[in-house]
């Protein structure tokens, strides 16, 4: 079958909840992906940062195959020989005392919110069911009913109410607004250290550390959603580390499995995650032996191949080179590490047409928030590959 036939089948039989580029991928290796017609592309999206280790990393593949031959699912009704090792290795790497594994990022966010509410009632002494959680405008924490309840994107909300109460919204990047919003019933603030889906929005320097200090002063939990920014993407293991901030709760996912399987987790110390008791929260697939084995291998690759350091070095070069493109369409280039946004002037007609032009040049990127092209290749990319891509990016940004 050819590209056109696959697209026709998908459009006819599948719900139209995405608007993908019209490329049908069939194979991936490292930073490269291949379509059903045999054409090669440089992947500059990494499945929204889920494939930090590169497509089909051989060490993660081997771990997956080895575990799949043994046992894949036990449910948490029984123990398995992979989960305990995953807990230990995750703790050793991140410095958090405990973790709670789930499947999707949205599930992990929901878990963190439940944890914050229980802490508010059991420890802080907030009256039951009166806990408030502060969120930030422009956020993206998932598409469950609760997470869209505090979204400020009308498309995510308009036809899906009524919404979950207990959330208040403040402007992103404004630490003073967070301080003013805190009251005795405030349990937590949840934020992204860089808003990925929001358009690769980098907050002002000092924002995270100021928010952390306000949280500490007022006995409020700081929850960092590092699902997209975490595990090396920004040139640190976690983006909060750029300001030496250690959140009370960190939520991770995506690259935690290197793209092989849905794996997410909530990280916190024992004083918080120890509050959960048997039966209060769980998941049939969360913490299954296949997921744990894959995640263990994915973490090992990040460390052994020094992908965090590579993202910092190669990302700095990529940002510098993109910033020097004298395009009449570019308003701003921003980002950290290999999470980069190129914002286009609004009169340029939107980022979609530029992404389609990049596809024609053999580069796959995706628009976000209409006017931003996001460049987020796998962290295994090297300077030579970026040098291959740059003339093509320059041509697109200057000729369309």
Protein backbone atom coordinates (compact mmCIF):
# COMPACT_ATOMS: atom_id res chain seq x y z
CA UNK A 1 0.00 0.00 0.00
CA UNK A 2 1.04 3.57 -0.67
CA UNK A 3 0.77 6.71 1.47
CA UNK A 4 -2.49 7.84 -0.08
CA UNK A 5 -4.21 4.51 0.61
CA UNK A 6 -3.19 4.45 4.27
CA UNK A 7 -4.40 8.00 4.74
CA UNK A 8 -7.77 7.23 3.14
CA UNK A 9 -8.27 4.23 5.46
CA UNK A 10 -7.29 6.23 8.53
CA UNK A 11 -9.56 9.14 7.67
CA UNK A 12 -12.51 6.81 7.03
CA UNK A 13 -12.24 4.47 10.01
CA UNK A 14 -10.46 6.54 12.66
CA UNK A 15 -11.74 9.33 14.89
CA UNK A 16 -10.35 12.67 13.74
CA UNK A 17 -8.78 13.77 17.03
CA UNK A 18 -5.41 14.63 15.44
CA UNK A 19 -4.32 16.57 12.38
CA UNK A 20 -1.06 14.82 11.43
CA UNK A 21 1.23 15.65 8.59
CA UNK A 22 0.49 13.43 5.61
CA UNK A 23 3.43 11.10 6.04
CA UNK A 24 2.94 7.41 6.87
CA UNK A 25 5.91 6.07 8.81
CA UNK A 26 6.85 2.43 8.85
CA UNK A 27 10.36 2.24 10.31
CA UNK A 28 12.72 4.22 12.52
CA UNK A 29 16.37 4.05 13.52
CA UNK A 30 18.14 6.60 15.69
CA UNK A 31 17.17 10.08 14.50
CA UNK A 32 15.81 8.86 11.17
CA UNK A 33 12.37 7.57 10.19
CA UNK A 34 11.19 6.07 6.90
CA UNK A 35 7.80 6.22 5.21
CA UNK A 36 5.93 3.50 3.36
CA UNK A 37 7.17 4.86 0.04
CA UNK A 38 10.80 4.44 1.14
CA UNK A 39 11.65 8.08 1.83
CA UNK A 40 13.89 9.00 4.76
CA UNK A 41 13.23 11.89 7.18
CA UNK A 42 15.03 13.48 10.11
CA UNK A 43 12.66 13.25 13.08
CA UNK A 44 12.60 16.64 14.82
CA UNK A 45 9.67 15.85 17.09
CA UNK A 46 10.74 12.63 18.85
CA UNK A 47 7.11 11.68 19.43
CA UNK A 48 6.72 14.81 21.58
CA UNK A 49 10.01 13.99 23.38
CA UNK A 50 9.15 10.35 24.07
CA UNK A 51 11.98 9.06 21.88
CA UNK A 52 14.91 10.87 23.51
CA UNK A 53 17.06 7.76 23.14
CA UNK A 54 16.39 7.52 19.40
CA UNK A 55 14.04 5.23 17.53
CA UNK A 56 14.27 1.51 18.33
CA UNK A 57 17.34 1.80 20.51
CA UNK A 58 18.95 -1.66 20.39
CA UNK A 59 19.57 -1.93 24.14
CA UNK A 60 15.99 -1.03 25.03
CA UNK A 61 14.72 -3.35 22.29
CA UNK A 62 16.79 -6.20 23.71
CA UNK A 63 15.44 -5.60 27.20
CA UNK A 64 11.89 -5.55 25.87
CA UNK A 65 12.35 -8.78 23.92
CA UNK A 66 14.03 -10.57 26.80
CA UNK A 67 11.31 -9.61 29.27
CA UNK A 68 8.47 -10.33 26.83
CA UNK A 69 9.64 -13.95 26.65
CA UNK A 70 9.32 -14.31 30.43
CA UNK A 71 6.25 -12.47 31.73
CA UNK A 72 4.60 -9.24 30.66
CA UNK A 73 1.81 -8.57 33.15
CA UNK A 74 1.10 -9.67 36.69
CA UNK A 75 -1.09 -6.78 37.85
CA UNK A 76 -0.21 -5.32 41.21
CA UNK A 77 -2.11 -8.15 42.88
CA UNK A 78 1.24 -9.96 42.81
CA UNK A 79 4.85 -8.79 42.92
CA UNK A 80 7.29 -9.14 40.03
CA UNK A 81 11.08 -9.23 39.81
CA UNK A 82 11.43 -6.04 37.73
CA UNK A 83 9.44 -3.44 39.63
CA UNK A 84 11.57 -3.36 42.78
CA UNK A 85 14.72 -2.89 40.69
CA UNK A 86 13.01 -0.11 38.72
CA UNK A 87 12.07 1.66 41.96
CA UNK A 88 15.65 1.45 43.24
CA UNK A 89 17.30 2.61 40.02
CA UNK A 90 14.84 5.46 39.57
CA UNK A 91 15.49 6.62 43.12
CA UNK A 92 19.26 6.37 42.68
CA UNK A 93 19.14 8.46 39.50
CA UNK A 94 16.65 11.14 40.57
CA UNK A 95 17.30 11.46 44.30
CA UNK A 96 13.65 10.99 45.24
CA UNK A 97 12.95 8.40 47.92
CA UNK A 98 9.90 6.80 46.29
CA UNK A 99 8.00 6.56 43.02
CA UNK A 100 4.61 5.44 41.81
CA UNK A 101 4.48 4.09 38.26
CA UNK A 102 1.53 4.57 35.92
CA UNK A 103 1.09 4.33 32.15
CA UNK A 104 0.32 7.62 30.42
CA UNK A 105 1.53 11.07 31.42
CA UNK A 106 -2.03 12.18 32.05
CA UNK A 107 -2.47 9.32 34.54
CA UNK A 108 0.66 10.41 36.36
CA UNK A 109 -0.60 14.00 36.56
CA UNK A 110 -3.91 12.77 37.97
CA UNK A 111 -1.95 10.73 40.51
CA UNK A 112 0.04 13.79 41.60
CA UNK A 113 -3.14 15.82 42.00
CA UNK A 114 -4.72 13.12 44.15
CA UNK A 115 -1.57 12.96 46.24
CA UNK A 116 -1.58 16.73 46.76
CA UNK A 117 -5.20 16.69 47.88
CA UNK A 118 -4.66 13.83 50.31
CA UNK A 119 -1.60 15.59 51.76
CA UNK A 120 -3.64 18.78 52.16
CA UNK A 121 -6.28 16.98 54.21
CA UNK A 122 -4.11 14.53 56.12
CA UNK A 123 -1.05 16.68 56.81
CA UNK A 124 -1.67 20.38 56.19
CA UNK A 125 -5.10 20.35 57.77
CA UNK A 126 -7.12 21.88 54.94
CA UNK A 127 -10.86 21.29 55.50
CA UNK A 128 -11.98 18.23 53.57
CA UNK A 129 -12.85 18.88 49.92
CA UNK A 130 -11.79 22.53 50.12
CA UNK A 131 -8.24 22.11 48.83
CA UNK A 132 -7.17 24.35 45.96
CA UNK A 133 -4.44 23.76 43.43
CA UNK A 134 -2.87 26.63 41.49
CA UNK A 135 -2.28 26.13 37.77
CA UNK A 136 -0.75 28.30 35.06
CA UNK A 137 -2.32 29.80 31.95
CA UNK A 138 -1.16 28.12 28.76
CA UNK A 139 -0.57 24.81 30.54
CA UNK A 140 -0.85 21.35 29.04
CA UNK A 141 -1.12 18.50 31.51
CA UNK A 142 -3.24 16.06 29.50
CA UNK A 143 -6.75 15.70 28.16
CA UNK A 144 -8.66 13.98 30.95
CA UNK A 145 -11.71 15.74 32.34
CA UNK A 146 -9.74 16.99 35.34
CA UNK A 147 -6.71 18.20 33.38
CA UNK A 148 -8.83 20.09 30.85
CA UNK A 149 -10.69 21.62 33.78
CA UNK A 150 -7.69 23.88 34.36
CA UNK A 151 -6.66 24.28 30.72
CA UNK A 152 -6.96 27.75 29.20
CA UNK A 153 -7.21 26.40 25.64
CA UNK A 154 -10.86 26.67 24.50
CA UNK A 155 -10.46 23.80 22.02
CA UNK A 156 -9.67 21.41 24.87
CA UNK A 157 -12.61 22.58 27.00
CA UNK A 158 -15.57 23.94 25.08
CA UNK A 159 -17.68 20.80 24.62
CA UNK A 160 -16.48 18.77 27.60
CA UNK A 161 -17.83 20.38 30.77
CA UNK A 162 -18.91 20.39 33.54
CA UNK A 163 -15.44 20.62 34.97
CA UNK A 164 -13.64 19.42 38.07
CA UNK A 165 -13.57 22.18 40.73
CA UNK A 166 -10.69 23.12 43.00
CA UNK A 167 -8.30 24.82 40.57
CA UNK A 168 -7.36 28.44 40.10
CA UNK A 169 -5.27 29.83 37.26
CA UNK A 170 -2.53 32.45 37.28
CA UNK A 171 -0.35 33.81 34.45
CA UNK A 172 2.64 31.64 33.57
CA UNK A 173 6.02 33.16 34.34
CA UNK A 174 4.67 35.56 36.96
CA UNK A 175 5.94 34.43 40.37
CA UNK A 176 4.23 37.32 42.15
CA UNK A 177 0.88 36.11 40.82
CA UNK A 178 1.54 32.73 42.41
CA UNK A 179 2.34 34.35 45.74
CA UNK A 180 -0.87 36.41 45.65
CA UNK A 181 -2.98 33.36 44.77
CA UNK A 182 -1.83 31.31 47.77
CA UNK A 183 -4.32 31.05 50.61
CA UNK A 184 -4.72 28.72 53.62
CA UNK A 185 -6.51 26.14 51.47
CA UNK A 186 -3.82 26.00 48.80
CA UNK A 187 -2.47 22.46 48.55
CA UNK A 188 -0.10 22.81 45.60
CA UNK A 189 0.90 24.53 42.42
CA UNK A 190 1.43 22.44 39.32
CA UNK A 191 3.49 23.84 36.46
CA UNK A 192 5.73 22.94 33.55
CA UNK A 193 9.27 24.34 33.85
CA UNK A 194 8.99 25.04 30.12
CA UNK A 195 5.57 24.96 28.46
CA UNK A 196 6.04 22.61 25.52
CA UNK A 197 2.58 22.38 23.99
CA UNK A 198 2.02 26.02 24.89
CA UNK A 199 4.65 26.99 22.32
CA UNK A 200 8.00 26.22 24.00
CA UNK A 201 7.46 29.07 26.46
CA UNK A 202 10.53 29.59 28.66
CA UNK A 203 9.72 31.50 31.87
CA UNK A 204 11.89 34.41 33.05
CA UNK A 205 15.12 33.55 34.86
CA UNK A 206 14.46 33.07 38.56
CA UNK A 207 10.78 32.20 38.12
CA UNK A 208 11.04 28.60 39.27
CA UNK A 209 13.23 29.40 42.26
CA UNK A 210 10.90 32.20 43.37
CA UNK A 211 7.85 29.96 43.08
CA UNK A 212 9.68 27.27 45.05
CA UNK A 213 10.49 29.75 47.81
CA UNK A 214 6.86 30.90 48.02
CA UNK A 215 5.74 27.28 48.26
CA UNK A 216 8.17 26.52 51.05
CA UNK A 217 7.24 29.67 52.95
CA UNK A 218 3.51 28.91 52.77
CA UNK A 219 3.59 25.11 53.18
CA UNK A 220 2.42 24.49 49.62
CA UNK A 221 3.60 21.60 47.44
CA UNK A 222 5.42 22.34 44.21
CA UNK A 223 4.50 19.82 41.50
CA UNK A 224 6.63 19.92 38.36
CA UNK A 225 5.22 18.33 35.23
CA UNK A 226 8.45 17.16 33.57
CA UNK A 227 6.76 14.69 31.24
CA UNK A 228 8.10 16.49 28.18
CA UNK A 229 11.03 18.43 29.66
CA UNK A 230 12.43 15.70 31.89
CA UNK A 231 15.00 12.93 31.39
CA UNK A 232 17.52 15.04 29.56
CA UNK A 233 15.53 16.98 26.99
CA UNK A 234 16.62 20.46 28.13
CA UNK A 235 20.26 19.65 28.90
CA UNK A 236 19.60 18.70 32.53
CA UNK A 237 18.03 15.49 33.81
CA UNK A 238 15.11 17.70 34.87
CA UNK A 239 14.48 21.21 33.59
CA UNK A 240 13.93 22.49 37.16
CA UNK A 241 17.61 21.79 37.80
CA UNK A 242 18.52 24.80 35.64
CA UNK A 243 17.52 26.83 38.70
CA UNK A 244 18.59 24.28 41.30
CA UNK A 245 14.95 23.66 42.20
CA UNK A 246 13.89 20.32 43.63
CA UNK A 247 10.08 20.12 43.47
CA UNK A 248 8.18 18.24 46.14
CA UNK A 249 6.66 16.13 43.37
CA UNK A 250 8.02 15.53 39.86
CA UNK A 251 5.91 13.86 37.19
CA UNK A 252 7.68 12.01 34.38
CA UNK A 253 6.70 9.90 31.39
CA UNK A 254 7.39 9.87 27.63
CA UNK A 255 11.18 9.25 27.46
CA UNK A 256 10.97 7.07 30.57
CA UNK A 257 10.41 4.17 28.15
CA UNK A 258 12.36 5.42 25.13
CA UNK A 259 9.22 5.18 23.03
CA UNK A 260 8.70 1.44 23.44
CA UNK A 261 5.78 1.36 25.86
CA UNK A 262 3.59 3.74 27.88
CA UNK A 263 5.40 4.28 31.19
CA UNK A 264 5.02 7.23 33.55
CA UNK A 265 5.76 7.85 37.20
CA UNK A 266 5.27 10.24 40.09
CA UNK A 267 8.44 10.95 42.07
CA UNK A 268 8.39 12.23 45.65
CA UNK A 269 9.87 11.52 49.05
CA UNK A 270 8.42 9.07 51.57
CA UNK A 271 6.60 11.77 53.54
CA UNK A 272 4.36 12.30 50.49
CA UNK A 273 4.10 9.06 48.55
CA UNK A 274 3.96 7.15 51.81
CA UNK A 275 0.50 8.66 52.34
CA UNK A 276 -1.08 6.31 49.79
CA UNK A 277 -2.53 3.16 51.33
CA UNK A 278 -3.52 -0.08 49.56
CA UNK A 279 -6.64 0.27 47.43
CA UNK A 280 -6.66 4.08 47.25
CA UNK A 281 -5.03 4.34 43.85
CA UNK A 282 -3.72 2.00 41.21
CA UNK A 283 -3.63 0.68 37.68
CA UNK A 284 -3.78 -2.82 36.21
CA UNK A 285 -0.84 -2.12 33.91
CA UNK A 286 1.05 0.38 36.07
CA UNK A 287 4.36 -1.10 37.21
CA UNK A 288 4.02 -4.25 35.14
CA UNK A 289 7.22 -6.24 34.58
CA UNK A 290 7.48 -5.43 30.87
CA UNK A 291 7.14 -1.70 31.55
CA UNK A 292 9.64 -1.84 34.39
CA UNK A 293 12.24 -3.75 32.35
CA UNK A 294 11.89 -1.31 29.44
CA UNK A 295 12.12 1.74 31.69
CA UNK A 296 15.20 0.36 33.43
CA UNK A 297 16.94 -0.02 30.08
CA UNK A 298 15.76 3.41 28.93
CA UNK A 299 17.23 5.07 32.03
CA UNK A 300 20.49 3.17 31.60
CA UNK A 301 20.84 4.43 28.02
CA UNK A 302 20.34 8.05 29.12
CA UNK A 303 23.14 7.69 31.68
CA UNK A 304 25.60 5.52 29.78
CA UNK A 305 25.36 7.47 26.51
CA UNK A 306 25.53 10.82 28.33
CA UNK A 307 22.41 12.05 26.56
CA UNK A 308 21.82 14.84 29.09
CA UNK A 309 25.23 16.33 28.39
CA UNK A 310 24.77 15.86 24.65
CA UNK A 311 21.43 17.66 24.71
CA UNK A 312 23.06 20.62 26.43
CA UNK A 313 25.95 20.88 23.98
CA UNK A 314 24.19 20.06 20.72
CA UNK A 315 21.11 22.02 21.75
CA UNK A 316 23.13 25.16 22.37
CA UNK A 317 24.63 24.86 18.89
CA UNK A 318 21.24 24.24 17.26
CA UNK A 319 19.65 27.24 18.99
CA UNK A 320 22.57 29.47 18.01
CA UNK A 321 22.38 28.43 14.38
CA UNK A 322 18.59 28.82 14.19
CA UNK A 323 18.85 32.25 15.80
CA UNK A 324 21.21 33.41 13.05
CA UNK A 325 18.80 32.63 10.20
CA UNK A 326 17.83 36.03 8.71
CA UNK A 327 14.26 35.06 7.89
CA UNK A 328 11.55 37.70 7.44
CA UNK A 329 9.11 35.24 9.01
CA UNK A 330 10.88 34.50 12.31
CA UNK A 331 9.83 36.45 15.38
CA UNK A 332 11.87 34.58 18.00
CA UNK A 333 13.91 31.44 18.61
CA UNK A 334 13.77 30.13 22.18
CA UNK A 335 14.32 26.99 24.19
CA UNK A 336 16.74 25.00 26.31
CA UNK A 337 18.77 22.01 25.22
CA UNK A 338 16.98 20.22 22.42
CA UNK A 339 13.53 21.63 23.17
CA UNK A 340 13.40 24.53 20.74
CA UNK A 341 10.58 26.71 19.47
CA UNK A 342 10.78 28.94 16.39
CA UNK A 343 7.95 31.45 16.68
CA UNK A 344 6.82 32.94 13.38
CA UNK A 345 5.28 36.34 12.86
CA UNK A 346 1.51 36.07 12.78
CA UNK A 347 1.32 37.57 9.30
CA UNK A 348 3.40 34.65 7.97
CA UNK A 349 0.33 32.45 7.66
CA UNK A 350 0.90 29.96 10.47
CA UNK A 351 3.51 27.30 11.12
CA UNK A 352 1.67 24.43 9.46
CA UNK A 353 2.69 25.38 5.93
CA UNK A 354 6.34 25.66 7.01
CA UNK A 355 6.19 22.18 8.57
CA UNK A 356 4.75 20.81 5.34
CA UNK A 357 7.59 22.48 3.42
CA UNK A 358 10.13 20.98 5.83
CA UNK A 359 8.58 17.57 5.22
CA UNK A 360 9.27 18.02 1.51
CA UNK A 361 12.92 18.67 2.44
CA UNK A 362 13.13 15.48 4.53
CA UNK A 363 12.62 17.01 7.98
CA UNK A 364 9.66 16.22 10.22
CA UNK A 365 8.69 18.94 12.68
CA UNK A 366 5.29 19.93 14.00
CA UNK A 367 3.49 23.17 14.61
CA UNK A 368 2.24 24.03 18.07
CA UNK A 369 -0.07 26.88 19.01
CA UNK A 370 -0.43 27.76 15.33
CA UNK A 371 2.60 30.02 14.97
CA UNK A 372 5.44 27.98 16.52
CA UNK A 373 7.57 25.28 14.89
CA UNK A 374 8.92 22.91 17.52
CA UNK A 375 12.32 21.33 16.93
CA UNK A 376 12.97 18.48 19.37
CA UNK A 377 15.04 15.74 17.75
CA UNK A 378 16.16 12.64 19.65
CA UNK A 379 19.00 13.41 22.05
CA UNK A 380 21.30 11.06 20.11
CA UNK A 381 21.50 13.59 17.27
CA UNK A 382 24.98 14.89 16.48
CA UNK A 383 26.34 18.18 15.15
CA UNK A 384 26.89 16.71 11.69
CA UNK A 385 23.23 15.80 11.35
CA UNK A 386 22.18 19.27 12.49
CA UNK A 387 24.55 20.70 9.88
CA UNK A 388 22.73 18.56 7.29
CA UNK A 389 19.38 19.97 8.42
CA UNK A 390 20.27 23.64 8.78
CA UNK A 391 20.50 24.57 5.06
CA UNK A 392 17.12 22.94 4.49
CA UNK A 393 15.58 24.80 7.42
CA UNK A 394 17.10 28.07 6.21
CA UNK A 395 15.69 27.53 2.74
CA UNK A 396 12.20 26.88 4.06
CA UNK A 397 12.23 29.84 6.44
CA UNK A 398 13.45 32.17 3.72
CA UNK A 399 11.44 31.03 0.70
CA UNK A 400 7.92 30.47 1.93
